[in-house]
Amino acid sequence: PGDHDTVLSVLSMTFEPAEEGTGAIILTFAGDGAIK
């Protein structure tokens, strides 16, 4: 994050549920990048 030279392309956005409504939202990008 903050890299001005890298352009990311979104492949998907998913939700992995955990306990009591918590969980993780995963943004997956082309080229094997991801943000959890």
Full PDB file with SEQRES, HELIX, SHEET, SSBOND, CRYST1, ORIGX, SCALE, CONECT and MASTER records, all heavy atoms in Angstrom:
SEQRES   1 A   36  PRO GLY ASP HIS ASP THR VAL LEU SER VAL LEU SER MET          
SEQRES   2 A   36  THR PHE GLU PRO ALA GLU GLU GLY THR GLY ALA ILE ILE          
SEQRES   3 A   36  LEU THR PHE ALA GLY ASP GLY ALA ILE LYS                      
HELIX    1 AA1 GLU A   19  GLY A   21  5                                   3    
SHEET    1 AA1 3 VAL A  10  PRO A  17  0                                        
SHEET    2 AA1 3 GLY A  23  PHE A  29 -1                                        
SHEET    3 AA1 3 GLY A  33  ILE A  35 -1                                        
CRYST1    1.000    1.000    1.000  90.00  90.00  90.00 P 1           1          
ORIGX1      1.000000  0.000000  0.000000        0.00000                         
ORIGX2      0.000000  1.000000  0.000000        0.00000                         
ORIGX3      0.000000  0.000000  1.000000        0.00000                         
SCALE1      1.000000  0.000000  0.000000        0.00000                         
SCALE2      0.000000  1.000000  0.000000        0.00000                         
SCALE3      0.000000  0.000000  1.000000        0.00000                         
ATOM      1  N   PRO A   1       0.829  -1.205   0.000  1.00  0.00           N  
ATOM      2  CA  PRO A   1       0.000   0.000   0.000  1.00  0.00           C  
ATOM      3  C   PRO A   1       0.864   1.255   0.000  1.00  0.00           C  
ATOM      4  O   PRO A   1       1.902   1.308   0.651  1.00  0.00           O  
ATOM      5  CB  PRO A   1      -0.806  -0.120   1.294  1.00  0.00           C  
ATOM      6  CG  PRO A   1      -0.838  -1.592   1.566  1.00  0.00           C  
ATOM      7  CD  PRO A   1       0.507  -2.096   1.102  1.00  0.00           C  
ATOM      8  N   GLY A   2       0.456   2.235  -0.777  1.00  0.00           N  
ATOM      9  CA  GLY A   2       1.214   3.474  -0.881  1.00  0.00           C  
ATOM     10  C   GLY A   2       2.163   3.500  -2.059  1.00  0.00           C  
ATOM     11  O   GLY A   2       2.699   4.549  -2.396  1.00  0.00           O  
ATOM     12  N   ASP A   3       2.362   2.367  -2.726  1.00  0.00           N  
ATOM     13  CA  ASP A   3       3.261   2.291  -3.881  1.00  0.00           C  
ATOM     14  C   ASP A   3       2.596   2.963  -5.083  1.00  0.00           C  
ATOM     15  O   ASP A   3       1.599   2.481  -5.604  1.00  0.00           O  
ATOM     16  CB  ASP A   3       3.575   0.826  -4.181  1.00  0.00           C  
ATOM     17  CG  ASP A   3       4.524   0.643  -5.348  1.00  0.00           C  
ATOM     18  OD1 ASP A   3       4.888   1.633  -6.009  1.00  0.00           O  
ATOM     19  OD2 ASP A   3       4.905  -0.517  -5.599  1.00  0.00           O  
ATOM     20  N   HIS A   4       3.159   4.065  -5.532  1.00  0.00           N  
ATOM     21  CA  HIS A   4       2.586   4.829  -6.647  1.00  0.00           C  
ATOM     22  C   HIS A   4       2.807   4.148  -7.997  1.00  0.00           C  
ATOM     23  O   HIS A   4       2.124   4.467  -8.969  1.00  0.00           O  
ATOM     24  CB  HIS A   4       3.183   6.240  -6.694  1.00  0.00           C  
ATOM     25  CG  HIS A   4       2.774   7.084  -5.530  1.00  0.00           C  
ATOM     26  ND1 HIS A   4       1.583   7.757  -5.477  1.00  0.00           N  
ATOM     27  CD2 HIS A   4       3.393   7.329  -4.348  1.00  0.00           C  
ATOM     28  CE1 HIS A   4       1.476   8.396  -4.330  1.00  0.00           C  
ATOM     29  NE2 HIS A   4       2.565   8.159  -3.620  1.00  0.00           N  
ATOM     30  N   ASP A   5       3.762   3.222  -8.085  1.00  0.00           N  
ATOM     31  CA  ASP A   5       4.107   2.609  -9.362  1.00  0.00           C  
ATOM     32  C   ASP A   5       3.359   1.311  -9.647  1.00  0.00           C  
ATOM     33  O   ASP A   5       3.389   0.825 -10.769  1.00  0.00           O  
ATOM     34  CB  ASP A   5       5.617   2.327  -9.409  1.00  0.00           C  
ATOM     35  CG  ASP A   5       6.435   3.606  -9.358  1.00  0.00           C  
ATOM     36  OD1 ASP A   5       5.975   4.636  -9.902  1.00  0.00           O  
ATOM     37  OD2 ASP A   5       7.526   3.584  -8.767  1.00  0.00           O  
ATOM     38  N   THR A   6       2.712   0.747  -8.657  1.00  0.00           N  
ATOM     39  CA  THR A   6       2.026  -0.533  -8.837  1.00  0.00           C  
ATOM     40  C   THR A   6       0.534  -0.317  -9.055  1.00  0.00           C  
ATOM     41  O   THR A   6      -0.133   0.325  -8.250  1.00  0.00           O  
ATOM     42  CB  THR A   6       2.232  -1.436  -7.601  1.00  0.00           C  
ATOM     43  OG1 THR A   6       3.630  -1.645  -7.425  1.00  0.00           O  
ATOM     44  CG2 THR A   6       1.533  -2.773  -7.782  1.00  0.00           C  
ATOM     45  N   VAL A   7       0.031  -0.872 -10.166  1.00  0.00           N  
ATOM     46  CA  VAL A   7      -1.401  -0.841 -10.451  1.00  0.00           C  
ATOM     47  C   VAL A   7      -1.932  -2.247 -10.233  1.00  0.00           C  
ATOM     48  O   VAL A   7      -1.405  -3.218 -10.780  1.00  0.00           O  
ATOM     49  CB  VAL A   7      -1.689  -0.362 -11.887  1.00  0.00           C  
ATOM     50  CG1 VAL A   7      -3.183  -0.437 -12.189  1.00  0.00           C  
ATOM     51  CG2 VAL A   7      -1.180   1.061 -12.077  1.00  0.00           C  
ATOM     52  N   LEU A   8      -2.953  -2.351  -9.407  1.00  0.00           N  
ATOM     53  CA  LEU A   8      -3.538  -3.637  -9.043  1.00  0.00           C  
ATOM     54  C   LEU A   8      -4.835  -3.865  -9.803  1.00  0.00           C  
ATOM     55  O   LEU A   8      -5.566  -2.920 -10.095  1.00  0.00           O  
ATOM     56  CB  LEU A   8      -3.814  -3.670  -7.539  1.00  0.00           C  
ATOM     57  CG  LEU A   8      -2.609  -3.416  -6.645  1.00  0.00           C  
ATOM     58  CD1 LEU A   8      -3.054  -3.152  -5.219  1.00  0.00           C  
ATOM     59  CD2 LEU A   8      -1.652  -4.596  -6.708  1.00  0.00           C  
ATOM     60  N   SER A   9      -5.124  -5.124 -10.080  1.00  0.00           N  
ATOM     61  CA  SER A   9      -6.374  -5.509 -10.733  1.00  0.00           C  
ATOM     62  C   SER A   9      -7.098  -6.504  -9.835  1.00  0.00           C  
ATOM     63  O   SER A   9      -6.556  -7.563  -9.504  1.00  0.00           O  
ATOM     64  CB  SER A   9      -6.076  -6.143 -12.096  1.00  0.00           C  
ATOM     65  OG  SER A   9      -7.283  -6.538 -12.721  1.00  0.00           O  
ATOM     66  N   VAL A  10      -8.309  -6.172  -9.427  1.00  0.00           N  
ATOM     67  CA  VAL A  10      -9.080  -6.998  -8.504  1.00  0.00           C  
ATOM     68  C   VAL A  10      -9.621  -8.237  -9.220  1.00  0.00           C  
ATOM     69  O   VAL A  10     -10.249  -8.129 -10.266  1.00  0.00           O  
ATOM     70  CB  VAL A  10     -10.266  -6.209  -7.896  1.00  0.00           C  
ATOM     71  CG1 VAL A  10     -11.082  -7.087  -6.961  1.00  0.00           C  
ATOM     72  CG2 VAL A  10      -9.784  -4.958  -7.186  1.00  0.00           C  
ATOM     73  N   LEU A  11      -9.364  -9.389  -8.632  1.00  0.00           N  
ATOM     74  CA  LEU A  11      -9.949 -10.634  -9.125  1.00  0.00           C  
ATOM     75  C   LEU A  11     -11.243 -10.945  -8.380  1.00  0.00           C  
ATOM     76  O   LEU A  11     -12.247 -11.317  -8.983  1.00  0.00           O  
ATOM     77  CB  LEU A  11      -8.975 -11.805  -8.965  1.00  0.00           C  
ATOM     78  CG  LEU A  11      -7.694 -11.740  -9.784  1.00  0.00           C  
ATOM     79  CD1 LEU A  11      -6.810 -12.948  -9.487  1.00  0.00           C  
ATOM     80  CD2 LEU A  11      -8.013 -11.664 -11.274  1.00  0.00           C  
ATOM     81  N   SER A  12     -11.204 -10.791  -7.035  1.00  0.00           N  
ATOM     82  CA  SER A  12     -12.394 -11.126  -6.250  1.00  0.00           C  
ATOM     83  C   SER A  12     -12.331 -10.490  -4.866  1.00  0.00           C  
ATOM     84  O   SER A  12     -11.280 -10.041  -4.419  1.00  0.00           O  
ATOM     85  CB  SER A  12     -12.536 -12.645  -6.092  1.00  0.00           C  
ATOM     86  OG  SER A  12     -11.465 -13.154  -5.318  1.00  0.00           O  
ATOM     87  N   MET A  13     -13.482 -10.479  -4.231  1.00  0.00           N  
ATOM     88  CA  MET A  13     -13.610 -10.058  -2.840  1.00  0.00           C  
ATOM     89  C   MET A  13     -14.477 -11.121  -2.163  1.00  0.00           C  
ATOM     90  O   MET A  13     -15.602 -11.379  -2.601  1.00  0.00           O  
ATOM     91  CB  MET A  13     -14.277  -8.684  -2.741  1.00  0.00           C  
ATOM     92  CG  MET A  13     -14.392  -8.175  -1.319  1.00  0.00           C  
ATOM     93  SD  MET A  13     -14.949  -6.465  -1.200  1.00  0.00           S  
ATOM     94  CE  MET A  13     -16.624  -6.589  -1.784  1.00  0.00           C  
ATOM     95  N   THR A  14     -13.931 -11.752  -1.116  1.00  0.00           N  
ATOM     96  CA  THR A  14     -14.655 -12.827  -0.448  1.00  0.00           C  
ATOM     97  C   THR A  14     -14.709 -12.570   1.056  1.00  0.00           C  
ATOM     98  O   THR A  14     -13.945 -11.763   1.583  1.00  0.00           O  
ATOM     99  CB  THR A  14     -13.987 -14.195  -0.700  1.00  0.00           C  
ATOM    100  OG1 THR A  14     -12.620 -14.126  -0.275  1.00  0.00           O  
ATOM    101  CG2 THR A  14     -14.044 -14.575  -2.168  1.00  0.00           C  
ATOM    102  N   PHE A  15     -15.601 -13.283   1.714  1.00  0.00           N  
ATOM    103  CA  PHE A  15     -15.719 -13.196   3.169  1.00  0.00           C  
ATOM    104  C   PHE A  15     -15.519 -14.579   3.751  1.00  0.00           C  
ATOM    105  O   PHE A  15     -16.144 -15.553   3.321  1.00  0.00           O  
ATOM    106  CB  PHE A  15     -17.087 -12.652   3.579  1.00  0.00           C  
ATOM    107  CG  PHE A  15     -17.286 -12.603   5.067  1.00  0.00           C  
ATOM    108  CD1 PHE A  15     -16.546 -11.729   5.854  1.00  0.00           C  
ATOM    109  CD2 PHE A  15     -18.199 -13.440   5.679  1.00  0.00           C  
ATOM    110  CE1 PHE A  15     -16.711 -11.689   7.246  1.00  0.00           C  
ATOM    111  CE2 PHE A  15     -18.386 -13.403   7.064  1.00  0.00           C  
ATOM    112  CZ  PHE A  15     -17.633 -12.525   7.837  1.00  0.00           C  
ATOM    113  N   GLU A  16     -14.631 -14.663   4.739  1.00  0.00           N  
ATOM    114  CA  GLU A  16     -14.412 -15.904   5.480  1.00  0.00           C  
ATOM    115  C   GLU A  16     -14.961 -15.699   6.888  1.00  0.00           C  
ATOM    116  O   GLU A  16     -14.361 -14.983   7.691  1.00  0.00           O  
ATOM    117  CB  GLU A  16     -12.922 -16.236   5.529  1.00  0.00           C  
ATOM    118  CG  GLU A  16     -12.318 -16.535   4.180  1.00  0.00           C  
ATOM    119  CD  GLU A  16     -10.828 -16.808   4.235  1.00  0.00           C  
ATOM    120  OE1 GLU A  16     -10.202 -16.652   5.312  1.00  0.00           O  
ATOM    121  OE2 GLU A  16     -10.280 -17.163   3.181  1.00  0.00           O  
ATOM    122  N   PRO A  17     -16.109 -16.307   7.199  1.00  0.00           N  
ATOM    123  CA  PRO A  17     -16.726 -16.083   8.514  1.00  0.00           C  
ATOM    124  C   PRO A  17     -15.935 -16.726   9.645  1.00  0.00           C  
ATOM    125  O   PRO A  17     -15.271 -17.734   9.466  1.00  0.00           O  
ATOM    126  CB  PRO A  17     -18.107 -16.723   8.377  1.00  0.00           C  
ATOM    127  CG  PRO A  17     -17.989 -17.692   7.263  1.00  0.00           C  
ATOM    128  CD  PRO A  17     -16.901 -17.184   6.358  1.00  0.00           C  
ATOM    129  N   ALA A  18     -16.040 -16.098  10.803  1.00  0.00           N  
ATOM    130  CA  ALA A  18     -15.461 -16.632  12.043  1.00  0.00           C  
ATOM    131  C   ALA A  18     -16.591 -16.656  13.068  1.00  0.00           C  
ATOM    132  O   ALA A  18     -17.759 -16.751  12.694  1.00  0.00           O  
ATOM    133  CB  ALA A  18     -14.284 -15.772  12.505  1.00  0.00           C  
ATOM    134  N   GLU A  19     -16.255 -16.501  14.326  1.00  0.00           N  
ATOM    135  CA  GLU A  19     -17.259 -16.580  15.383  1.00  0.00           C  
ATOM    136  C   GLU A  19     -18.073 -15.296  15.523  1.00  0.00           C  
ATOM    137  O   GLU A  19     -17.536 -14.199  15.400  1.00  0.00           O  
ATOM    138  CB  GLU A  19     -16.575 -16.887  16.717  1.00  0.00           C  
ATOM    139  CG  GLU A  19     -15.888 -18.235  16.750  1.00  0.00           C  
ATOM    140  CD  GLU A  19     -15.186 -18.490  18.071  1.00  0.00           C  
ATOM    141  OE1 GLU A  19     -15.405 -17.727  19.033  1.00  0.00           O  
ATOM    142  OE2 GLU A  19     -14.418 -19.452  18.136  1.00  0.00           O  
ATOM    143  N   GLU A  20     -19.349 -15.456  15.784  1.00  0.00           N  
ATOM    144  CA  GLU A  20     -20.254 -14.365  16.150  1.00  0.00           C  
ATOM    145  C   GLU A  20     -20.198 -13.163  15.214  1.00  0.00           C  
ATOM    146  O   GLU A  20     -20.131 -12.014  15.661  1.00  0.00           O  
ATOM    147  CB  GLU A  20     -19.996 -13.943  17.589  1.00  0.00           C  
ATOM    148  CG  GLU A  20     -20.234 -15.069  18.568  1.00  0.00           C  
ATOM    149  CD  GLU A  20     -20.040 -14.626  20.011  1.00  0.00           C  
ATOM    150  OE1 GLU A  20     -20.111 -13.420  20.295  1.00  0.00           O  
ATOM    151  OE2 GLU A  20     -19.814 -15.521  20.838  1.00  0.00           O  
ATOM    152  N   GLY A  21     -20.217 -13.396  13.908  1.00  0.00           N  
ATOM    153  CA  GLY A  21     -20.278 -12.306  12.939  1.00  0.00           C  
ATOM    154  C   GLY A  21     -18.944 -11.723  12.538  1.00  0.00           C  
ATOM    155  O   GLY A  21     -18.873 -10.899  11.645  1.00  0.00           O  
ATOM    156  N   THR A  22     -17.876 -12.107  13.226  1.00  0.00           N  
ATOM    157  CA  THR A  22     -16.553 -11.618  12.832  1.00  0.00           C  
ATOM    158  C   THR A  22     -16.062 -12.437  11.649  1.00  0.00           C  
ATOM    159  O   THR A  22     -16.686 -13.405  11.226  1.00  0.00           O  
ATOM    160  CB  THR A  22     -15.545 -11.721  13.996  1.00  0.00           C  
ATOM    161  OG1 THR A  22     -15.346 -13.102  14.308  1.00  0.00           O  
ATOM    162  CG2 THR A  22     -16.036 -10.968  15.226  1.00  0.00           C  
ATOM    163  N   GLY A  23     -14.915 -12.051  11.111  1.00  0.00           N  
ATOM    164  CA  GLY A  23     -14.356 -12.807  10.006  1.00  0.00           C  
ATOM    165  C   GLY A  23     -13.317 -11.989   9.274  1.00  0.00           C  
ATOM    166  O   GLY A  23     -12.760 -11.029   9.820  1.00  0.00           O  
ATOM    167  N   ALA A  24     -13.086 -12.372   8.032  1.00  0.00           N  
ATOM    168  CA  ALA A  24     -12.087 -11.687   7.217  1.00  0.00           C  
ATOM    169  C   ALA A  24     -12.636 -11.444   5.825  1.00  0.00           C  
ATOM    170  O   ALA A  24     -13.243 -12.330   5.220  1.00  0.00           O  
ATOM    171  CB  ALA A  24     -10.811 -12.507   7.140  1.00  0.00           C  
ATOM    172  N   ILE A  25     -12.423 -10.238   5.342  1.00  0.00           N  
ATOM    173  CA  ILE A  25     -12.728  -9.899   3.957  1.00  0.00           C  
ATOM    174  C   ILE A  25     -11.401  -9.948   3.215  1.00  0.00           C  
ATOM    175  O   ILE A  25     -10.431  -9.309   3.621  1.00  0.00           O  
ATOM    176  CB  ILE A  25     -13.385  -8.508   3.855  1.00  0.00           C  
ATOM    177  CG1 ILE A  25     -14.760  -8.556   4.532  1.00  0.00           C  
ATOM    178  CG2 ILE A  25     -13.492  -8.070   2.396  1.00  0.00           C  
ATOM    179  CD1 ILE A  25     -15.440  -7.224   4.670  1.00  0.00           C  
ATOM    180  N   ILE A  26     -11.367 -10.742   2.143  1.00  0.00           N  
ATOM    181  CA  ILE A  26     -10.144 -10.936   1.375  1.00  0.00           C  
ATOM    182  C   ILE A  26     -10.313 -10.305  -0.001  1.00  0.00           C  
ATOM    183  O   ILE A  26     -11.228 -10.660  -0.745  1.00  0.00           O  
ATOM    184  CB  ILE A  26      -9.821 -12.437   1.178  1.00  0.00           C  
ATOM    185  CG1 ILE A  26      -9.925 -13.223   2.480  1.00  0.00           C  
ATOM    186  CG2 ILE A  26      -8.483 -12.602   0.470  1.00  0.00           C  
ATOM    187  CD1 ILE A  26      -8.871 -12.938   3.482  1.00  0.00           C  
ATOM    188  N   LEU A  27      -9.436  -9.363  -0.321  1.00  0.00           N  
ATOM    189  CA  LEU A  27      -9.354  -8.800  -1.667  1.00  0.00           C  
ATOM    190  C   LEU A  27      -8.204  -9.508  -2.362  1.00  0.00           C  
ATOM    191  O   LEU A  27      -7.058  -9.439  -1.900  1.00  0.00           O  
ATOM    192  CB  LEU A  27      -9.082  -7.297  -1.622  1.00  0.00           C  
ATOM    193  CG  LEU A  27     -10.223  -6.417  -1.148  1.00  0.00           C  
ATOM    194  CD1 LEU A  27      -9.711  -5.020  -0.831  1.00  0.00           C  
ATOM    195  CD2 LEU A  27     -11.294  -6.354  -2.215  1.00  0.00           C  
ATOM    196  N   THR A  28      -8.498 -10.205  -3.457  1.00  0.00           N  
ATOM    197  CA  THR A  28      -7.479 -10.928  -4.207  1.00  0.00           C  
ATOM    198  C   THR A  28      -7.222 -10.201  -5.511  1.00  0.00           C  
ATOM    199  O   THR A  28      -8.159  -9.816  -6.212  1.00  0.00           O  
ATOM    200  CB  THR A  28      -7.931 -12.378  -4.485  1.00  0.00           C  
ATOM    201  OG1 THR A  28      -8.261 -13.001  -3.239  1.00  0.00           O  
ATOM    202  CG2 THR A  28      -6.846 -13.173  -5.183  1.00  0.00           C  
ATOM    203  N   PHE A  29      -5.929 -10.012  -5.814  1.00  0.00           N  
ATOM    204  CA  PHE A  29      -5.518  -9.269  -7.006  1.00  0.00           C  
ATOM    205  C   PHE A  29      -4.791 -10.181  -7.983  1.00  0.00           C  
ATOM    206  O   PHE A  29      -4.205 -11.190  -7.590  1.00  0.00           O  
ATOM    207  CB  PHE A  29      -4.590  -8.110  -6.607  1.00  0.00           C  
ATOM    208  CG  PHE A  29      -5.221  -7.148  -5.656  1.00  0.00           C  
ATOM    209  CD1 PHE A  29      -4.999  -7.250  -4.290  1.00  0.00           C  
ATOM    210  CD2 PHE A  29      -6.052  -6.146  -6.110  1.00  0.00           C  
ATOM    211  CE1 PHE A  29      -5.581  -6.376  -3.399  1.00  0.00           C  
ATOM    212  CE2 PHE A  29      -6.652  -5.253  -5.229  1.00  0.00           C  
ATOM    213  CZ  PHE A  29      -6.417  -5.366  -3.868  1.00  0.00           C  
ATOM    214  N   ALA A  30      -4.795  -9.810  -9.252  1.00  0.00           N  
ATOM    215  CA  ALA A  30      -4.023 -10.529 -10.254  1.00  0.00           C  
ATOM    216  C   ALA A  30      -2.555 -10.477  -9.847  1.00  0.00           C  
ATOM    217  O   ALA A  30      -2.105  -9.499  -9.255  1.00  0.00           O  
ATOM    218  CB  ALA A  30      -4.222  -9.894 -11.626  1.00  0.00           C  
ATOM    219  N   GLY A  31      -1.818 -11.534 -10.143  1.00  0.00           N  
ATOM    220  CA  GLY A  31      -0.404 -11.569  -9.795  1.00  0.00           C  
ATOM    221  C   GLY A  31      -0.140 -12.039  -8.385  1.00  0.00           C  
ATOM    222  O   GLY A  31       0.899 -11.760  -7.819  1.00  0.00           O  
ATOM    223  N   ASP A  32      -1.084 -12.721  -7.775  1.00  0.00           N  
ATOM    224  CA  ASP A  32      -0.922 -13.326  -6.451  1.00  0.00           C  
ATOM    225  C   ASP A  32      -0.905 -12.350  -5.285  1.00  0.00           C  
ATOM    226  O   ASP A  32      -0.461 -12.699  -4.202  1.00  0.00           O  
ATOM    227  CB  ASP A  32       0.334 -14.208  -6.384  1.00  0.00           C  
ATOM    228  CG  ASP A  32       0.243 -15.395  -7.323  1.00  0.00           C  
ATOM    229  OD1 ASP A  32      -0.874 -15.898  -7.507  1.00  0.00           O  
ATOM    230  OD2 ASP A  32       1.284 -15.808  -7.862  1.00  0.00           O  
ATOM    231  N   GLY A  33      -1.370 -11.135  -5.456  1.00  0.00           N  
ATOM    232  CA  GLY A  33      -1.461 -10.205  -4.344  1.00  0.00           C  
ATOM    233  C   GLY A  33      -2.781 -10.362  -3.616  1.00  0.00           C  
ATOM    234  O   GLY A  33      -3.782 -10.773  -4.200  1.00  0.00           O  
ATOM    235  N   ALA A  34      -2.792 -10.032  -2.330  1.00  0.00           N  
ATOM    236  CA  ALA A  34      -4.026 -10.115  -1.546  1.00  0.00           C  
ATOM    237  C   ALA A  34      -3.949  -9.185  -0.349  1.00  0.00           C  
ATOM    238  O   ALA A  34      -2.869  -8.881   0.160  1.00  0.00           O  
ATOM    239  CB  ALA A  34      -4.271 -11.546  -1.079  1.00  0.00           C  
ATOM    240  N   ILE A  35      -5.111  -8.741   0.076  1.00  0.00           N  
ATOM    241  CA  ILE A  35      -5.245  -7.967   1.306  1.00  0.00           C  
ATOM    242  C   ILE A  35      -6.316  -8.648   2.145  1.00  0.00           C  
ATOM    243  O   ILE A  35      -7.413  -8.934   1.658  1.00  0.00           O  
ATOM    244  CB  ILE A  35      -5.635  -6.499   1.032  1.00  0.00           C  
ATOM    245  CG1 ILE A  35      -4.520  -5.803   0.253  1.00  0.00           C  
ATOM    246  CG2 ILE A  35      -5.928  -5.766   2.336  1.00  0.00           C  
ATOM    247  CD1 ILE A  35      -4.828  -4.383  -0.135  1.00  0.00           C  
ATOM    248  N   LYS A  36      -5.972  -8.916   3.399  1.00  0.00           N  
ATOM    249  CA  LYS A  36      -6.910  -9.545   4.335  1.00  0.00           C  
ATOM    250  C   LYS A  36      -7.300  -8.505   5.369  1.00  0.00           C  
ATOM    251  O   LYS A  36      -6.445  -7.931   6.041  1.00  0.00           O  
ATOM    252  CB  LYS A  36      -6.255 -10.740   5.026  1.00  0.00           C  
ATOM    253  CG  LYS A  36      -7.151 -11.435   6.024  1.00  0.00           C  
ATOM    254  CD  LYS A  36      -6.419 -12.600   6.671  1.00  0.00           C  
ATOM    255  CE  LYS A  36      -7.291 -13.284   7.699  1.00  0.00           C  
ATOM    256  NZ  LYS A  36      -6.553 -14.345   8.404  1.00  0.00           N  
TER     257      LYS A  36                                                      
MASTER        0    0    0    1    3    0    0    6  256    1    0    3          
END                                                                             
